[in-house]
């Protein structure tokens, strides 16, 4: 049975984020990944882990931009756990957490090669916006969700 809860071991989170970065096949040095990995507890407001018994299946993180805007980061599901709607569940949980913390908008950026992620984000109500941060990777898409016009599950059937 899969459970999703706040991360209790940052070593596991570092492993997952490193695995995620390697799977992308692009250079993330512009994001200062080494600093992120060394300061996870201050870099992110919340990190959720999905587990299947003793196996870590995936993660997602919430990062503060300002008092009203946050960012979904590092949504990653290990290959063995894909096709089970786990990415959707992780995303919905972090959206709920952002809403409960009083954020008004959630942003994210995604690469054009992330073919499963883009329709997932759209089905959750994210819309494309102008770039809000530097990303040198051609075709990067920037998206935003208004946290108070969409509620959990609004587009689950999409």
C-alpha atoms as a PDB file:
ATOM      1  CA  UNK A   1       0.000   0.000   0.000  1.00  0.00           C
ATOM      2  CA  UNK A   2       1.351   3.421  -0.968  1.00  0.00           C
ATOM      3  CA  UNK A   3       1.513   6.117   1.691  1.00  0.00           C
ATOM      4  CA  UNK A   4       2.460   9.779   1.315  1.00  0.00           C
ATOM      5  CA  UNK A   5       3.896  11.704   4.253  1.00  0.00           C
ATOM      6  CA  UNK A   6       6.405  14.449   5.046  1.00  0.00           C
ATOM      7  CA  UNK A   7       9.981  13.333   4.493  1.00  0.00           C
ATOM      8  CA  UNK A   8      11.618  12.004   7.611  1.00  0.00           C
ATOM      9  CA  UNK A   9      15.085  11.248   6.209  1.00  0.00           C
ATOM     10  CA  UNK A  10      16.843  13.853   4.082  1.00  0.00           C
ATOM     11  CA  UNK A  11      19.370  11.280   2.869  1.00  0.00           C
ATOM     12  CA  UNK A  12      16.566   9.520   0.996  1.00  0.00           C
ATOM     13  CA  UNK A  13      15.372  12.843  -0.432  1.00  0.00           C
ATOM     14  CA  UNK A  14      18.899  13.632  -1.650  1.00  0.00           C
ATOM     15  CA  UNK A  15      19.016  10.235  -3.370  1.00  0.00           C
ATOM     16  CA  UNK A  16      15.685  10.814  -5.088  1.00  0.00           C
ATOM     17  CA  UNK A  17      16.503  14.339  -6.246  1.00  0.00           C
ATOM     18  CA  UNK A  18      19.865  13.162  -7.587  1.00  0.00           C
ATOM     19  CA  UNK A  19      18.129  10.286  -9.391  1.00  0.00           C
ATOM     20  CA  UNK A  20      15.574  12.765 -10.771  1.00  0.00           C
ATOM     21  CA  UNK A  21      18.279  15.152 -11.993  1.00  0.00           C
ATOM     22  CA  UNK A  22      20.205  12.323 -13.656  1.00  0.00           C
ATOM     23  CA  UNK A  23      17.042  11.035 -15.350  1.00  0.00           C
ATOM     24  CA  UNK A  24      16.433  14.442 -16.947  1.00  0.00           C
ATOM     25  CA  UNK A  25      19.610  14.169 -18.959  1.00  0.00           C
ATOM     26  CA  UNK A  26      20.248  17.927 -18.818  1.00  0.00           C
ATOM     27  CA  UNK A  27      22.715  20.057 -16.906  1.00  0.00           C
ATOM     28  CA  UNK A  28      20.995  21.594 -13.879  1.00  0.00           C
ATOM     29  CA  UNK A  29      24.052  23.506 -12.684  1.00  0.00           C
ATOM     30  CA  UNK A  30      22.182  26.780 -13.315  1.00  0.00           C
ATOM     31  CA  UNK A  31      19.900  25.760 -10.427  1.00  0.00           C
ATOM     32  CA  UNK A  32      22.844  25.220  -8.041  1.00  0.00           C
ATOM     33  CA  UNK A  33      21.744  21.666  -7.322  1.00  0.00           C
ATOM     34  CA  UNK A  34      24.689  21.032  -4.986  1.00  0.00           C
ATOM     35  CA  UNK A  35      23.564  23.875  -2.714  1.00  0.00           C
ATOM     36  CA  UNK A  36      19.974  22.626  -2.849  1.00  0.00           C
ATOM     37  CA  UNK A  37      21.020  19.117  -1.825  1.00  0.00           C
ATOM     38  CA  UNK A  38      23.165  20.396   1.036  1.00  0.00           C
ATOM     39  CA  UNK A  39      20.404  22.623   2.444  1.00  0.00           C
ATOM     40  CA  UNK A  40      17.168  20.715   1.809  1.00  0.00           C
ATOM     41  CA  UNK A  41      15.766  21.532   5.233  1.00  0.00           C
ATOM     42  CA  UNK A  42      15.937  25.281   4.535  1.00  0.00           C
ATOM     43  CA  UNK A  43      15.566  25.219   0.750  1.00  0.00           C
ATOM     44  CA  UNK A  44      12.081  23.673   0.848  1.00  0.00           C
ATOM     45  CA  UNK A  45       9.156  24.404   3.117  1.00  0.00           C
ATOM     46  CA  UNK A  46       7.831  20.855   2.758  1.00  0.00           C
ATOM     47  CA  UNK A  47       8.997  17.648   1.099  1.00  0.00           C
ATOM     48  CA  UNK A  48       6.614  14.723   0.691  1.00  0.00           C
ATOM     49  CA  UNK A  49       7.730  11.141   0.130  1.00  0.00           C
ATOM     50  CA  UNK A  50       5.627   8.362  -1.336  1.00  0.00           C
ATOM     51  CA  UNK A  51       6.425   4.901  -0.001  1.00  0.00           C
ATOM     52  CA  UNK A  52       5.301   1.418  -0.865  1.00  0.00           C
ATOM     53  CA  UNK A  53       6.043  -0.423   2.363  1.00  0.00           C
ATOM     54  CA  UNK A  54       9.847  -0.142   2.694  1.00  0.00           C
ATOM     55  CA  UNK A  55      10.409   1.165  -0.844  1.00  0.00           C
ATOM     56  CA  UNK A  56      10.576   4.871  -1.619  1.00  0.00           C
ATOM     57  CA  UNK A  57       8.439   5.466  -4.708  1.00  0.00           C
ATOM     58  CA  UNK A  58       8.613   9.217  -5.302  1.00  0.00           C
ATOM     59  CA  UNK A  59       8.735  12.746  -3.977  1.00  0.00           C
ATOM     60  CA  UNK A  60       7.583  16.317  -4.435  1.00  0.00           C
ATOM     61  CA  UNK A  61       8.611  19.551  -2.719  1.00  0.00           C
ATOM     62  CA  UNK A  62       7.110  22.940  -1.903  1.00  0.00           C
ATOM     63  CA  UNK A  63       9.291  26.022  -2.143  1.00  0.00           C
ATOM     64  CA  UNK A  64       8.308  29.519  -1.034  1.00  0.00           C
ATOM     65  CA  UNK A  65       8.732  32.315  -3.577  1.00  0.00           C
ATOM     66  CA  UNK A  66       7.018  35.032  -1.529  1.00  0.00           C
ATOM     67  CA  UNK A  67       4.122  35.360   0.922  1.00  0.00           C
ATOM     68  CA  UNK A  68       1.522  34.589  -1.757  1.00  0.00           C
ATOM     69  CA  UNK A  69       3.375  32.454  -4.304  1.00  0.00           C
ATOM     70  CA  UNK A  70       5.026  29.078  -3.932  1.00  0.00           C
ATOM     71  CA  UNK A  71       6.575  26.622  -6.318  1.00  0.00           C
ATOM     72  CA  UNK A  72       6.126  22.905  -6.870  1.00  0.00           C
ATOM     73  CA  UNK A  73       9.540  21.339  -7.308  1.00  0.00           C
ATOM     74  CA  UNK A  74      11.096  17.942  -7.900  1.00  0.00           C
ATOM     75  CA  UNK A  75       7.967  15.943  -8.627  1.00  0.00           C
ATOM     76  CA  UNK A  76       9.484  12.550  -9.332  1.00  0.00           C
ATOM     77  CA  UNK A  77       8.159   9.003  -9.403  1.00  0.00           C
ATOM     78  CA  UNK A  78      10.583   6.126  -9.756  1.00  0.00           C
ATOM     79  CA  UNK A  79      10.095   4.083 -12.948  1.00  0.00           C
ATOM     80  CA  UNK A  80       8.860   0.970 -11.095  1.00  0.00           C
ATOM     81  CA  UNK A  81       5.962   2.997  -9.649  1.00  0.00           C
ATOM     82  CA  UNK A  82       4.824   4.859 -12.751  1.00  0.00           C
ATOM     83  CA  UNK A  83       1.391   4.282 -14.248  1.00  0.00           C
ATOM     84  CA  UNK A  84      -0.266   4.166 -10.815  1.00  0.00           C
ATOM     85  CA  UNK A  85      -1.365   7.855 -10.692  1.00  0.00           C
ATOM     86  CA  UNK A  86       1.252   8.459  -8.020  1.00  0.00           C
ATOM     87  CA  UNK A  87       2.521  11.625  -9.712  1.00  0.00           C
ATOM     88  CA  UNK A  88      -1.023  13.013  -9.668  1.00  0.00           C
ATOM     89  CA  UNK A  89      -1.485  12.092  -6.004  1.00  0.00           C
ATOM     90  CA  UNK A  90       1.841  13.676  -4.996  1.00  0.00           C
ATOM     91  CA  UNK A  91       0.974  16.826  -6.954  1.00  0.00           C
ATOM     92  CA  UNK A  92      -2.493  17.066  -5.388  1.00  0.00           C
ATOM     93  CA  UNK A  93      -1.056  16.607  -1.901  1.00  0.00           C
ATOM     94  CA  UNK A  94       1.501  19.387  -2.350  1.00  0.00           C
ATOM     95  CA  UNK A  95      -1.211  21.633  -3.847  1.00  0.00           C
ATOM     96  CA  UNK A  96      -3.381  20.978  -0.785  1.00  0.00           C
ATOM     97  CA  UNK A  97      -0.435  21.756   1.496  1.00  0.00           C
ATOM     98  CA  UNK A  98       0.202  25.048  -0.325  1.00  0.00           C
ATOM     99  CA  UNK A  99      -3.449  26.014  -0.065  1.00  0.00           C
ATOM    100  CA  UNK A 100      -3.509  25.146   3.649  1.00  0.00           C
ATOM    101  CA  UNK A 101      -0.434  27.323   4.197  1.00  0.00           C
ATOM    102  CA  UNK A 102      -2.231  30.316   2.697  1.00  0.00           C
ATOM    103  CA  UNK A 103      -0.497  30.571  -0.670  1.00  0.00           C
ATOM    104  CA  UNK A 104      -2.581  32.042  -3.496  1.00  0.00           C
ATOM    105  CA  UNK A 105      -0.624  30.766  -6.496  1.00  0.00           C
ATOM    106  CA  UNK A 106       1.621  27.808  -7.179  1.00  0.00           C
ATOM    107  CA  UNK A 107       4.134  27.926  -9.996  1.00  0.00           C
ATOM    108  CA  UNK A 108       6.362  25.384 -11.682  1.00  0.00           C
ATOM    109  CA  UNK A 109       8.604  24.964 -14.655  1.00  0.00           C
ATOM    110  CA  UNK A 110       8.853  21.830 -16.741  1.00  0.00           C
ATOM    111  CA  UNK A 111      10.963  20.648 -19.632  1.00  0.00           C
ATOM    112  CA  UNK A 112       9.472  19.874 -23.039  1.00  0.00           C
ATOM    113  CA  UNK A 113      10.790  16.306 -22.717  1.00  0.00           C
ATOM    114  CA  UNK A 114       8.600  15.667 -19.667  1.00  0.00           C
ATOM    115  CA  UNK A 115       5.744  14.430 -21.812  1.00  0.00           C
ATOM    116  CA  UNK A 116       3.722  12.873 -18.968  1.00  0.00           C
ATOM    117  CA  UNK A 117       4.112  15.861 -16.641  1.00  0.00           C
ATOM    118  CA  UNK A 118       2.736  18.549 -18.941  1.00  0.00           C
ATOM    119  CA  UNK A 119      -0.756  17.035 -19.404  1.00  0.00           C
ATOM    120  CA  UNK A 120      -0.830  16.169 -15.690  1.00  0.00           C
ATOM    121  CA  UNK A 121      -0.219  19.796 -14.748  1.00  0.00           C
ATOM    122  CA  UNK A 122      -2.797  20.997 -17.265  1.00  0.00           C
ATOM    123  CA  UNK A 123      -5.387  18.560 -15.896  1.00  0.00           C
ATOM    124  CA  UNK A 124      -4.766  19.952 -12.413  1.00  0.00           C
ATOM    125  CA  UNK A 125      -5.561  23.459 -13.651  1.00  0.00           C
ATOM    126  CA  UNK A 126      -2.086  24.868 -14.286  1.00  0.00           C
ATOM    127  CA  UNK A 127      -1.898  27.356 -17.143  1.00  0.00           C
ATOM    128  CA  UNK A 128       1.128  28.608 -19.030  1.00  0.00           C
ATOM    129  CA  UNK A 129       2.646  31.904 -17.921  1.00  0.00           C
ATOM    130  CA  UNK A 130       5.653  34.015 -18.823  1.00  0.00           C
ATOM    131  CA  UNK A 131       8.984  32.836 -17.353  1.00  0.00           C
ATOM    132  CA  UNK A 132       9.312  33.764 -13.693  1.00  0.00           C
ATOM    133  CA  UNK A 133      12.894  32.586 -13.292  1.00  0.00           C
ATOM    134  CA  UNK A 134      15.956  31.922 -15.400  1.00  0.00           C
ATOM    135  CA  UNK A 135      16.051  28.590 -17.200  1.00  0.00           C
ATOM    136  CA  UNK A 136      18.405  28.249 -20.187  1.00  0.00           C
ATOM    137  CA  UNK A 137      16.881  25.000 -21.469  1.00  0.00           C
ATOM    138  CA  UNK A 138      15.058  25.650 -24.768  1.00  0.00           C
ATOM    139  CA  UNK A 139      11.343  24.934 -24.668  1.00  0.00           C
ATOM    140  CA  UNK A 140      10.997  25.115 -20.887  1.00  0.00           C
ATOM    141  CA  UNK A 141       7.375  25.756 -19.975  1.00  0.00           C
ATOM    142  CA  UNK A 142       6.358  27.890 -17.013  1.00  0.00           C
ATOM    143  CA  UNK A 143       2.983  27.264 -15.409  1.00  0.00           C
ATOM    144  CA  UNK A 144       0.835  28.605 -12.581  1.00  0.00           C
ATOM    145  CA  UNK A 145      -2.191  27.430 -10.619  1.00  0.00           C
ATOM    146  CA  UNK A 146      -4.586  29.763  -8.833  1.00  0.00           C
ATOM    147  CA  UNK A 147      -5.005  27.857  -5.579  1.00  0.00           C
ATOM    148  CA  UNK A 148      -8.400  29.313  -4.754  1.00  0.00           C
ATOM    149  CA  UNK A 149     -10.220  28.764  -8.039  1.00  0.00           C
ATOM    150  CA  UNK A 150      -9.294  25.078  -8.287  1.00  0.00           C
ATOM    151  CA  UNK A 151     -10.002  22.562  -5.575  1.00  0.00           C
ATOM    152  CA  UNK A 152      -8.588  19.095  -5.079  1.00  0.00           C
ATOM    153  CA  UNK A 153      -9.991  16.699  -7.620  1.00  0.00           C
ATOM    154  CA  UNK A 154     -11.672  19.312  -9.864  1.00  0.00           C
ATOM    155  CA  UNK A 155     -10.106  17.791 -12.948  1.00  0.00           C
ATOM    156  CA  UNK A 156      -9.510  14.227 -11.767  1.00  0.00           C
ATOM    157  CA  UNK A 157     -11.517  12.827 -14.633  1.00  0.00           C
ATOM    158  CA  UNK A 158      -9.480  14.777 -17.181  1.00  0.00           C
END
